[in-house]
Amino acid sequence: MEAFHDFIDDLRKLLRKRGEDPLGDKPTEDLSKKTLDKLLAAGEPEAAGVGAGAIEDFAHELTGVIRRFLKLKAWRRTERIAVGGGFRDSRVANW
């Protein structure tokens, strides 16, 4: 959860430099999964964009980590990687 909050925080810092933070003044670590899920499902487009952007940044970072592992000799024959859990009944991970 902390790593995902870091991605949200980074986006919020950029937005504050350009004007207003669509998530308001509440610290990122105080935003619950439920709150973030509501923003993605039915929030203001700017606020939903912060959540979607953080998810995309997180996914790109995970892709980079997987690519580094696939360069290791022990991972050379890897054909599939299963990533599961945490997304049932939510648009944001199940923390």
PDB file of N, CA and C in Angstrom:
ATOM      1  N   MET A   1       0.823  -1.177   0.000  1.00  0.00           N
ATOM      2  CA  MET A   1       0.000   0.000   0.000  1.00  0.00           C
ATOM      3  C   MET A   1       0.872   1.245   0.000  1.00  0.00           C
ATOM      4  N   GLU A   2       1.953   1.201   0.736  1.00  0.00           N
ATOM      5  CA  GLU A   2       2.823   2.369   0.843  1.00  0.00           C
ATOM      6  C   GLU A   2       3.427   2.742  -0.512  1.00  0.00           C
ATOM      7  N   ALA A   3       3.838   1.748  -1.282  1.00  0.00           N
ATOM      8  CA  ALA A   3       4.415   2.026  -2.600  1.00  0.00           C
ATOM      9  C   ALA A   3       3.387   2.684  -3.513  1.00  0.00           C
ATOM     10  N   PHE A   4       2.152   2.211  -3.484  1.00  0.00           N
ATOM     11  CA  PHE A   4       1.099   2.800  -4.316  1.00  0.00           C
ATOM     12  C   PHE A   4       0.824   4.240  -3.888  1.00  0.00           C
ATOM     13  N   HIS A   5       0.814   4.477  -2.601  1.00  0.00           N
ATOM     14  CA  HIS A   5       0.629   5.845  -2.103  1.00  0.00           C
ATOM     15  C   HIS A   5       1.755   6.760  -2.592  1.00  0.00           C
ATOM     16  N   ASP A   6       2.965   6.223  -2.706  1.00  0.00           N
ATOM     17  CA  ASP A   6       4.082   7.022  -3.211  1.00  0.00           C
ATOM     18  C   ASP A   6       3.815   7.482  -4.649  1.00  0.00           C
ATOM     19  N   PHE A   7       3.234   6.611  -5.458  1.00  0.00           N
ATOM     20  CA  PHE A   7       2.915   6.988  -6.836  1.00  0.00           C
ATOM     21  C   PHE A   7       1.846   8.086  -6.863  1.00  0.00           C
ATOM     22  N   ILE A   8       0.847   7.964  -6.016  1.00  0.00           N
ATOM     23  CA  ILE A   8      -0.195   8.990  -5.933  1.00  0.00           C
ATOM     24  C   ILE A   8       0.414  10.303  -5.461  1.00  0.00           C
ATOM     25  N   ASP A   9       1.260  10.232  -4.452  1.00  0.00           N
ATOM     26  CA  ASP A   9       1.902  11.429  -3.907  1.00  0.00           C
ATOM     27  C   ASP A   9       2.719  12.153  -4.976  1.00  0.00           C
ATOM     28  N   ASP A  10       3.463  11.408  -5.767  1.00  0.00           N
ATOM     29  CA  ASP A  10       4.273  12.012  -6.830  1.00  0.00           C
ATOM     30  C   ASP A  10       3.397  12.786  -7.814  1.00  0.00           C
ATOM     31  N   LEU A  11       2.273  12.193  -8.205  1.00  0.00           N
ATOM     32  CA  LEU A  11       1.361  12.868  -9.131  1.00  0.00           C
ATOM     33  C   LEU A  11       0.752  14.111  -8.497  1.00  0.00           C
ATOM     34  N   ARG A  12       0.387  13.998  -7.241  1.00  0.00           N
ATOM     35  CA  ARG A  12      -0.208  15.143  -6.537  1.00  0.00           C
ATOM     36  C   ARG A  12       0.784  16.304  -6.440  1.00  0.00           C
ATOM     37  N   LYS A  13       2.056  16.015  -6.195  1.00  0.00           N
ATOM     38  CA  LYS A  13       3.072  17.062  -6.110  1.00  0.00           C
ATOM     39  C   LYS A  13       3.194  17.805  -7.441  1.00  0.00           C
ATOM     40  N   LEU A  14       3.175  17.060  -8.548  1.00  0.00           N
ATOM     41  CA  LEU A  14       3.219  17.691  -9.863  1.00  0.00           C
ATOM     42  C   LEU A  14       2.010  18.591 -10.095  1.00  0.00           C
ATOM     43  N   LEU A  15       0.837  18.093  -9.718  1.00  0.00           N
ATOM     44  CA  LEU A  15      -0.382  18.868  -9.917  1.00  0.00           C
ATOM     45  C   LEU A  15      -0.410  20.126  -9.053  1.00  0.00           C
ATOM     46  N   ARG A  16       0.113  20.036  -7.849  1.00  0.00           N
ATOM     47  CA  ARG A  16       0.157  21.216  -6.973  1.00  0.00           C
ATOM     48  C   ARG A  16       1.050  22.310  -7.555  1.00  0.00           C
ATOM     49  N   LYS A  17       2.125  21.906  -8.229  1.00  0.00           N
ATOM     50  CA  LYS A  17       3.011  22.888  -8.858  1.00  0.00           C
ATOM     51  C   LYS A  17       2.303  23.623  -9.996  1.00  0.00           C
ATOM     52  N   ARG A  18       1.358  22.940 -10.631  1.00  0.00           N
ATOM     53  CA  ARG A  18       0.645  23.520 -11.771  1.00  0.00           C
ATOM     54  C   ARG A  18      -0.679  24.165 -11.378  1.00  0.00           C
ATOM     55  N   GLY A  19      -1.056  24.033 -10.139  1.00  0.00           N
ATOM     56  CA  GLY A  19      -2.324  24.605  -9.704  1.00  0.00           C
ATOM     57  C   GLY A  19      -2.891  23.879  -8.513  1.00  0.00           C
ATOM     58  N   GLU A  20      -4.035  23.263  -8.694  1.00  0.00           N
ATOM     59  CA  GLU A  20      -4.760  22.648  -7.591  1.00  0.00           C
ATOM     60  C   GLU A  20      -4.666  21.130  -7.609  1.00  0.00           C
ATOM     61  N   ASP A  21      -4.631  20.551  -6.436  1.00  0.00           N
ATOM     62  CA  ASP A  21      -4.635  19.096  -6.265  1.00  0.00           C
ATOM     63  C   ASP A  21      -6.087  18.627  -6.262  1.00  0.00           C
ATOM     64  N   PRO A  22      -6.503  17.793  -7.237  1.00  0.00           N
ATOM     65  CA  PRO A  22      -7.898  17.356  -7.291  1.00  0.00           C
ATOM     66  C   PRO A  22      -8.330  16.467  -6.129  1.00  0.00           C
ATOM     67  N   LEU A  23      -7.370  15.994  -5.333  1.00  0.00           N
ATOM     68  CA  LEU A  23      -7.714  15.171  -4.172  1.00  0.00           C
ATOM     69  C   LEU A  23      -7.802  15.997  -2.895  1.00  0.00           C
ATOM     70  N   GLY A  24      -7.619  17.298  -3.007  1.00  0.00           N
ATOM     71  CA  GLY A  24      -7.779  18.177  -1.859  1.00  0.00           C
ATOM     72  C   GLY A  24      -6.548  18.243  -0.982  1.00  0.00           C
ATOM     73  N   ASP A  25      -6.759  18.605   0.274  1.00  0.00           N
ATOM     74  CA  ASP A  25      -5.662  18.811   1.222  1.00  0.00           C
ATOM     75  C   ASP A  25      -5.336  17.587   2.071  1.00  0.00           C
ATOM     76  N   LYS A  26      -6.168  16.568   1.993  1.00  0.00           N
ATOM     77  CA  LYS A  26      -5.963  15.374   2.824  1.00  0.00           C
ATOM     78  C   LYS A  26      -4.666  14.666   2.411  1.00  0.00           C
ATOM     79  N   PRO A  27      -3.820  14.318   3.386  1.00  0.00           N
ATOM     80  CA  PRO A  27      -2.579  13.604   3.056  1.00  0.00           C
ATOM     81  C   PRO A  27      -2.869  12.275   2.346  1.00  0.00           C
ATOM     82  N   THR A  28      -2.005  11.918   1.433  1.00  0.00           N
ATOM     83  CA  THR A  28      -2.203  10.696   0.648  1.00  0.00           C
ATOM     84  C   THR A  28      -2.351   9.475   1.533  1.00  0.00           C
ATOM     85  N   GLU A  29      -1.549   9.371   2.589  1.00  0.00           N
ATOM     86  CA  GLU A  29      -1.615   8.176   3.444  1.00  0.00           C
ATOM     87  C   GLU A  29      -2.942   8.061   4.183  1.00  0.00           C
ATOM     88  N   ASP A  30      -3.714   9.154   4.221  1.00  0.00           N
ATOM     89  CA  ASP A  30      -5.031   9.110   4.861  1.00  0.00           C
ATOM     90  C   ASP A  30      -6.158   8.760   3.888  1.00  0.00           C
ATOM     91  N   LEU A  31      -5.828   8.592   2.611  1.00  0.00           N
ATOM     92  CA  LEU A  31      -6.840   8.208   1.624  1.00  0.00           C
ATOM     93  C   LEU A  31      -7.000   6.691   1.656  1.00  0.00           C
ATOM     94  N   SER A  32      -8.162   6.236   2.006  1.00  0.00           N
ATOM     95  CA  SER A  32      -8.412   4.794   2.110  1.00  0.00           C
ATOM     96  C   SER A  32      -8.621   4.179   0.733  1.00  0.00           C
ATOM     97  N   LYS A  33      -8.518   2.866   0.697  1.00  0.00           N
ATOM     98  CA  LYS A  33      -8.801   2.136  -0.537  1.00  0.00           C
ATOM     99  C   LYS A  33     -10.221   2.426  -0.997  1.00  0.00           C
ATOM    100  N   LYS A  34     -11.139   2.489  -0.069  1.00  0.00           N
ATOM    101  CA  LYS A  34     -12.540   2.751  -0.381  1.00  0.00           C
ATOM    102  C   LYS A  34     -12.707   4.131  -1.033  1.00  0.00           C
ATOM    103  N   THR A  35     -12.023   5.132  -0.496  1.00  0.00           N
ATOM    104  CA  THR A  35     -12.082   6.474  -1.063  1.00  0.00           C
ATOM    105  C   THR A  35     -11.512   6.492  -2.474  1.00  0.00           C
ATOM    106  N   LEU A  36     -10.359   5.860  -2.670  1.00  0.00           N
ATOM    107  CA  LEU A  36      -9.745   5.813  -3.994  1.00  0.00           C
ATOM    108  C   LEU A  36     -10.620   5.057  -4.978  1.00  0.00           C
ATOM    109  N   ASP A  37     -11.240   3.992  -4.520  1.00  0.00           N
ATOM    110  CA  ASP A  37     -12.127   3.211  -5.377  1.00  0.00           C
ATOM    111  C   ASP A  37     -13.314   4.055  -5.837  1.00  0.00           C
ATOM    112  N   LYS A  38     -13.888   4.842  -4.927  1.00  0.00           N
ATOM    113  CA  LYS A  38     -15.007   5.722  -5.279  1.00  0.00           C
ATOM    114  C   LYS A  38     -14.578   6.773  -6.300  1.00  0.00           C
ATOM    115  N   LEU A  39     -13.387   7.308  -6.122  1.00  0.00           N
ATOM    116  CA  LEU A  39     -12.887   8.306  -7.069  1.00  0.00           C
ATOM    117  C   LEU A  39     -12.742   7.723  -8.470  1.00  0.00           C
ATOM    118  N   LEU A  40     -12.264   6.495  -8.564  1.00  0.00           N
ATOM    119  CA  LEU A  40     -12.105   5.856  -9.867  1.00  0.00           C
ATOM    120  C   LEU A  40     -13.447   5.530 -10.505  1.00  0.00           C
ATOM    121  N   ALA A  41     -14.403   5.134  -9.691  1.00  0.00           N
ATOM    122  CA  ALA A  41     -15.704   4.702 -10.218  1.00  0.00           C
ATOM    123  C   ALA A  41     -16.619   5.869 -10.548  1.00  0.00           C
ATOM    124  N   ALA A  42     -16.638   6.897  -9.704  1.00  0.00           N
ATOM    125  CA  ALA A  42     -17.641   7.947  -9.896  1.00  0.00           C
ATOM    126  C   ALA A  42     -17.161   9.321  -9.461  1.00  0.00           C
ATOM    127  N   GLY A  43     -15.873   9.498  -9.368  1.00  0.00           N
ATOM    128  CA  GLY A  43     -15.351  10.782  -8.917  1.00  0.00           C
ATOM    129  C   GLY A  43     -15.204  11.771 -10.050  1.00  0.00           C
ATOM    130  N   GLU A  44     -14.730  12.933  -9.698  1.00  0.00           N
ATOM    131  CA  GLU A  44     -14.436  13.954 -10.698  1.00  0.00           C
ATOM    132  C   GLU A  44     -13.351  13.420 -11.632  1.00  0.00           C
ATOM    133  N   PRO A  45     -13.407  13.755 -12.915  1.00  0.00           N
ATOM    134  CA  PRO A  45     -12.419  13.227 -13.862  1.00  0.00           C
ATOM    135  C   PRO A  45     -10.968  13.508 -13.463  1.00  0.00           C
ATOM    136  N   GLU A  46     -10.700  14.685 -12.919  1.00  0.00           N
ATOM    137  CA  GLU A  46      -9.330  15.017 -12.523  1.00  0.00           C
ATOM    138  C   GLU A  46      -8.844  14.125 -11.387  1.00  0.00           C
ATOM    139  N   ALA A  47      -9.703  13.876 -10.410  1.00  0.00           N
ATOM    140  CA  ALA A  47      -9.353  13.018  -9.275  1.00  0.00           C
ATOM    141  C   ALA A  47      -9.199  11.570  -9.734  1.00  0.00           C
ATOM    142  N   ALA A  48     -10.091  11.115 -10.584  1.00  0.00           N
ATOM    143  CA  ALA A  48      -9.993   9.753 -11.118  1.00  0.00           C
ATOM    144  C   ALA A  48      -8.711   9.601 -11.927  1.00  0.00           C
ATOM    145  N   GLY A  49      -8.309  10.671 -12.605  1.00  0.00           N
ATOM    146  CA  GLY A  49      -7.079  10.633 -13.390  1.00  0.00           C
ATOM    147  C   GLY A  49      -5.845  10.425 -12.534  1.00  0.00           C
ATOM    148  N   VAL A  50      -5.854  10.994 -11.335  1.00  0.00           N
ATOM    149  CA  VAL A  50      -4.727  10.785 -10.416  1.00  0.00           C
ATOM    150  C   VAL A  50      -4.648   9.302 -10.055  1.00  0.00           C
ATOM    151  N   GLY A  51      -5.787   8.701  -9.712  1.00  0.00           N
ATOM    152  CA  GLY A  51      -5.806   7.276  -9.370  1.00  0.00           C
ATOM    153  C   GLY A  51      -5.393   6.400 -10.543  1.00  0.00           C
ATOM    154  N   ALA A  52      -5.949   6.687 -11.718  1.00  0.00           N
ATOM    155  CA  ALA A  52      -5.618   5.893 -12.908  1.00  0.00           C
ATOM    156  C   ALA A  52      -4.148   6.070 -13.282  1.00  0.00           C
ATOM    157  N   GLY A  53      -3.648   7.291 -13.152  1.00  0.00           N
ATOM    158  CA  GLY A  53      -2.237   7.535 -13.452  1.00  0.00           C
ATOM    159  C   GLY A  53      -1.313   6.794 -12.507  1.00  0.00           C
ATOM    160  N   ALA A  54      -1.672   6.757 -11.228  1.00  0.00           N
ATOM    161  CA  ALA A  54      -0.860   6.032 -10.246  1.00  0.00           C
ATOM    162  C   ALA A  54      -0.862   4.538 -10.543  1.00  0.00           C
ATOM    163  N   ILE A  55      -2.018   4.021 -10.931  1.00  0.00           N
ATOM    164  CA  ILE A  55      -2.106   2.591 -11.288  1.00  0.00           C
ATOM    165  C   ILE A  55      -1.214   2.305 -12.491  1.00  0.00           C
ATOM    166  N   GLU A  56      -1.261   3.168 -13.490  1.00  0.00           N
ATOM    167  CA  GLU A  56      -0.436   2.969 -14.683  1.00  0.00           C
ATOM    168  C   GLU A  56       1.056   3.056 -14.347  1.00  0.00           C
ATOM    169  N   ASP A  57       1.444   4.042 -13.543  1.00  0.00           N
ATOM    170  CA  ASP A  57       2.847   4.161 -13.144  1.00  0.00           C
ATOM    171  C   ASP A  57       3.308   2.935 -12.364  1.00  0.00           C
ATOM    172  N   PHE A  58       2.448   2.446 -11.458  1.00  0.00           N
ATOM    173  CA  PHE A  58       2.758   1.253 -10.682  1.00  0.00           C
ATOM    174  C   PHE A  58       2.950   0.048 -11.616  1.00  0.00           C
ATOM    175  N   ALA A  59       2.072  -0.085 -12.600  1.00  0.00           N
ATOM    176  CA  ALA A  59       2.154  -1.199 -13.549  1.00  0.00           C
ATOM    177  C   ALA A  59       3.439  -1.133 -14.372  1.00  0.00           C
ATOM    178  N   HIS A  60       3.829   0.064 -14.798  1.00  0.00           N
ATOM    179  CA  HIS A  60       5.079   0.211 -15.550  1.00  0.00           C
ATOM    180  C   HIS A  60       6.285  -0.172 -14.694  1.00  0.00           C
ATOM    181  N   GLU A  61       6.259   0.225 -13.448  1.00  0.00           N
ATOM    182  CA  GLU A  61       7.355  -0.123 -12.539  1.00  0.00           C
ATOM    183  C   GLU A  61       7.430  -1.645 -12.351  1.00  0.00           C
ATOM    184  N   LEU A  62       6.284  -2.289 -12.169  1.00  0.00           N
ATOM    185  CA  LEU A  62       6.245  -3.745 -12.027  1.00  0.00           C
ATOM    186  C   LEU A  62       6.777  -4.423 -13.285  1.00  0.00           C
ATOM    187  N   THR A  63       6.424  -3.894 -14.446  1.00  0.00           N
ATOM    188  CA  THR A  63       6.920  -4.442 -15.706  1.00  0.00           C
ATOM    189  C   THR A  63       8.442  -4.379 -15.758  1.00  0.00           C
ATOM    190  N   GLY A  64       9.009  -3.261 -15.316  1.00  0.00           N
ATOM    191  CA  GLY A  64      10.463  -3.130 -15.289  1.00  0.00           C
ATOM    192  C   GLY A  64      11.121  -4.144 -14.374  1.00  0.00           C
ATOM    193  N   VAL A  65      10.526  -4.375 -13.224  1.00  0.00           N
ATOM    194  CA  VAL A  65      11.059  -5.364 -12.280  1.00  0.00           C
ATOM    195  C   VAL A  65      11.012  -6.759 -12.899  1.00  0.00           C
ATOM    196  N   ILE A  66       9.896  -7.090 -13.524  1.00  0.00           N
ATOM    197  CA  ILE A  66       9.760  -8.417 -14.151  1.00  0.00           C
ATOM    198  C   ILE A  66      10.788  -8.583 -15.265  1.00  0.00           C
ATOM    199  N   ARG A  67      10.989  -7.547 -16.070  1.00  0.00           N
ATOM    200  CA  ARG A  67      11.993  -7.632 -17.145  1.00  0.00           C
ATOM    201  C   ARG A  67      13.384  -7.888 -16.594  1.00  0.00           C
ATOM    202  N   ARG A  68      13.714  -7.257 -15.470  1.00  0.00           N
ATOM    203  CA  ARG A  68      15.032  -7.491 -14.865  1.00  0.00           C
ATOM    204  C   ARG A  68      15.162  -8.938 -14.387  1.00  0.00           C
ATOM    205  N   PHE A  69      14.098  -9.469 -13.787  1.00  0.00           N
ATOM    206  CA  PHE A  69      14.131 -10.865 -13.342  1.00  0.00           C
ATOM    207  C   PHE A  69      14.278 -11.819 -14.522  1.00  0.00           C
ATOM    208  N   LEU A  70      13.605 -11.512 -15.631  1.00  0.00           N
ATOM    209  CA  LEU A  70      13.660 -12.395 -16.790  1.00  0.00           C
ATOM    210  C   LEU A  70      15.053 -12.459 -17.415  1.00  0.00           C
ATOM    211  N   LYS A  71      15.933 -11.543 -17.088  1.00  0.00           N
ATOM    212  CA  LYS A  71      17.311 -11.579 -17.572  1.00  0.00           C
ATOM    213  C   LYS A  71      18.184 -12.530 -16.760  1.00  0.00           C
ATOM    214  N   LEU A  72      17.692 -12.939 -15.598  1.00  0.00           N
ATOM    215  CA  LEU A  72      18.444 -13.859 -14.750  1.00  0.00           C
ATOM    216  C   LEU A  72      18.403 -15.270 -15.323  1.00  0.00           C
ATOM    217  N   LYS A  73      19.496 -15.984 -15.174  1.00  0.00           N
ATOM    218  CA  LYS A  73      19.591 -17.348 -15.689  1.00  0.00           C
ATOM    219  C   LYS A  73      18.457 -18.233 -15.159  1.00  0.00           C
ATOM    220  N   ALA A  74      18.155 -18.120 -13.880  1.00  0.00           N
ATOM    221  CA  ALA A  74      17.109 -18.946 -13.264  1.00  0.00           C
ATOM    222  C   ALA A  74      15.712 -18.672 -13.842  1.00  0.00           C
ATOM    223  N   TRP A  75      15.528 -17.523 -14.467  1.00  0.00           N
ATOM    224  CA  TRP A  75      14.208 -17.150 -15.005  1.00  0.00           C
ATOM    225  C   TRP A  75      14.131 -17.302 -16.530  1.00  0.00           C
ATOM    226  N   ARG A  76      15.172 -17.738 -17.185  1.00  0.00           N
ATOM    227  CA  ARG A  76      15.223 -17.747 -18.657  1.00  0.00           C
ATOM    228  C   ARG A  76      14.109 -18.539 -19.314  1.00  0.00           C
ATOM    229  N   ARG A  77      13.702 -19.599 -18.722  1.00  0.00           N
ATOM    230  CA  ARG A  77      12.662 -20.442 -19.337  1.00  0.00           C
ATOM    231  C   ARG A  77      11.254 -20.099 -18.857  1.00  0.00           C
ATOM    232  N   THR A  78      11.118 -19.004 -18.174  1.00  0.00           N
ATOM    233  CA  THR A  78       9.813 -18.580 -17.664  1.00  0.00           C
ATOM    234  C   THR A  78       8.884 -18.301 -18.842  1.00  0.00           C
ATOM    235  N   GLU A  79       7.725 -18.921 -18.817  1.00  0.00           N
ATOM    236  CA  GLU A  79       6.737 -18.713 -19.871  1.00  0.00           C
ATOM    237  C   GLU A  79       5.538 -17.911 -19.393  1.00  0.00           C
ATOM    238  N   ARG A  80       5.243 -18.006 -18.109  1.00  0.00           N
ATOM    239  CA  ARG A  80       4.084 -17.307 -17.556  1.00  0.00           C
ATOM    240  C   ARG A  80       4.399 -16.813 -16.149  1.00  0.00           C
ATOM    241  N   ILE A  81       3.808 -15.695 -15.836  1.00  0.00           N
ATOM    242  CA  ILE A  81       3.890 -15.162 -14.479  1.00  0.00           C
ATOM    243  C   ILE A  81       2.460 -14.865 -14.054  1.00  0.00           C
ATOM    244  N   ALA A  82       2.040 -15.477 -12.978  1.00  0.00           N
ATOM    245  CA  ALA A  82       0.673 -15.261 -12.481  1.00  0.00           C
ATOM    246  C   ALA A  82       0.710 -14.210 -11.375  1.00  0.00           C
ATOM    247  N   VAL A  83      -0.082 -13.190 -11.560  1.00  0.00           N
ATOM    248  CA  VAL A  83      -0.217 -12.147 -10.549  1.00  0.00           C
ATOM    249  C   VAL A  83      -1.666 -12.175 -10.127  1.00  0.00           C
ATOM    250  N   GLY A  84      -1.905 -12.376  -8.857  1.00  0.00           N
ATOM    251  CA  GLY A  84      -3.295 -12.511  -8.452  1.00  0.00           C
ATOM    252  C   GLY A  84      -3.554 -11.963  -7.069  1.00  0.00           C
ATOM    253  N   GLY A  85      -4.825 -11.889  -6.802  1.00  0.00           N
ATOM    254  CA  GLY A  85      -5.275 -11.440  -5.493  1.00  0.00           C
ATOM    255  C   GLY A  85      -5.404  -9.939  -5.411  1.00  0.00           C
ATOM    256  N   GLY A  86      -6.351  -9.508  -4.604  1.00  0.00           N
ATOM    257  CA  GLY A  86      -6.448  -8.107  -4.295  1.00  0.00           C
ATOM    258  C   GLY A  86      -7.366  -7.266  -5.141  1.00  0.00           C
ATOM    259  N   PHE A  87      -7.927  -7.793  -6.203  1.00  0.00           N
ATOM    260  CA  PHE A  87      -8.745  -6.963  -7.070  1.00  0.00           C
ATOM    261  C   PHE A  87     -10.227  -7.325  -7.056  1.00  0.00           C
ATOM    262  N   ARG A  88     -10.618  -8.278  -6.309  1.00  0.00           N
ATOM    263  CA  ARG A  88     -12.009  -8.662  -6.238  1.00  0.00           C
ATOM    264  C   ARG A  88     -12.821  -7.533  -5.618  1.00  0.00           C
ATOM    265  N   ASP A  89     -13.926  -7.193  -6.252  1.00  0.00           N
ATOM    266  CA  ASP A  89     -14.869  -6.169  -5.750  1.00  0.00           C
ATOM    267  C   ASP A  89     -14.251  -4.791  -5.577  1.00  0.00           C
ATOM    268  N   SER A  90     -13.213  -4.482  -6.341  1.00  0.00           N
ATOM    269  CA  SER A  90     -12.576  -3.184  -6.188  1.00  0.00           C
ATOM    270  C   SER A  90     -11.877  -2.788  -7.472  1.00  0.00           C
ATOM    271  N   ARG A  91     -11.769  -1.495  -7.704  1.00  0.00           N
ATOM    272  CA  ARG A  91     -10.986  -0.983  -8.825  1.00  0.00           C
ATOM    273  C   ARG A  91      -9.541  -0.743  -8.414  1.00  0.00           C
ATOM    274  N   VAL A  92      -9.306  -0.657  -7.116  1.00  0.00           N
ATOM    275  CA  VAL A  92      -7.984  -0.468  -6.552  1.00  0.00           C
ATOM    276  C   VAL A  92      -7.621  -1.770  -5.832  1.00  0.00           C
ATOM    277  N   ALA A  93      -6.359  -2.010  -5.638  1.00  0.00           N
ATOM    278  CA  ALA A  93      -5.922  -3.257  -4.985  1.00  0.00           C
ATOM    279  C   ALA A  93      -6.556  -3.440  -3.615  1.00  0.00           C
ATOM    280  N   ASN A  94      -6.621  -4.685  -3.197  1.00  0.00           N
ATOM    281  CA  ASN A  94      -7.161  -5.033  -1.883  1.00  0.00           C
ATOM    282  C   ASN A  94      -6.025  -4.994  -0.877  1.00  0.00           C
ATOM    283  N   TRP A  95      -5.857  -3.867  -0.174  1.00  0.00           N
ATOM    284  CA  TRP A  95      -4.757  -3.680   0.768  1.00  0.00           C
ATOM    285  C   TRP A  95      -5.105  -4.249   2.068  1.00  0.00           C
TER     286      TRP A  95
END
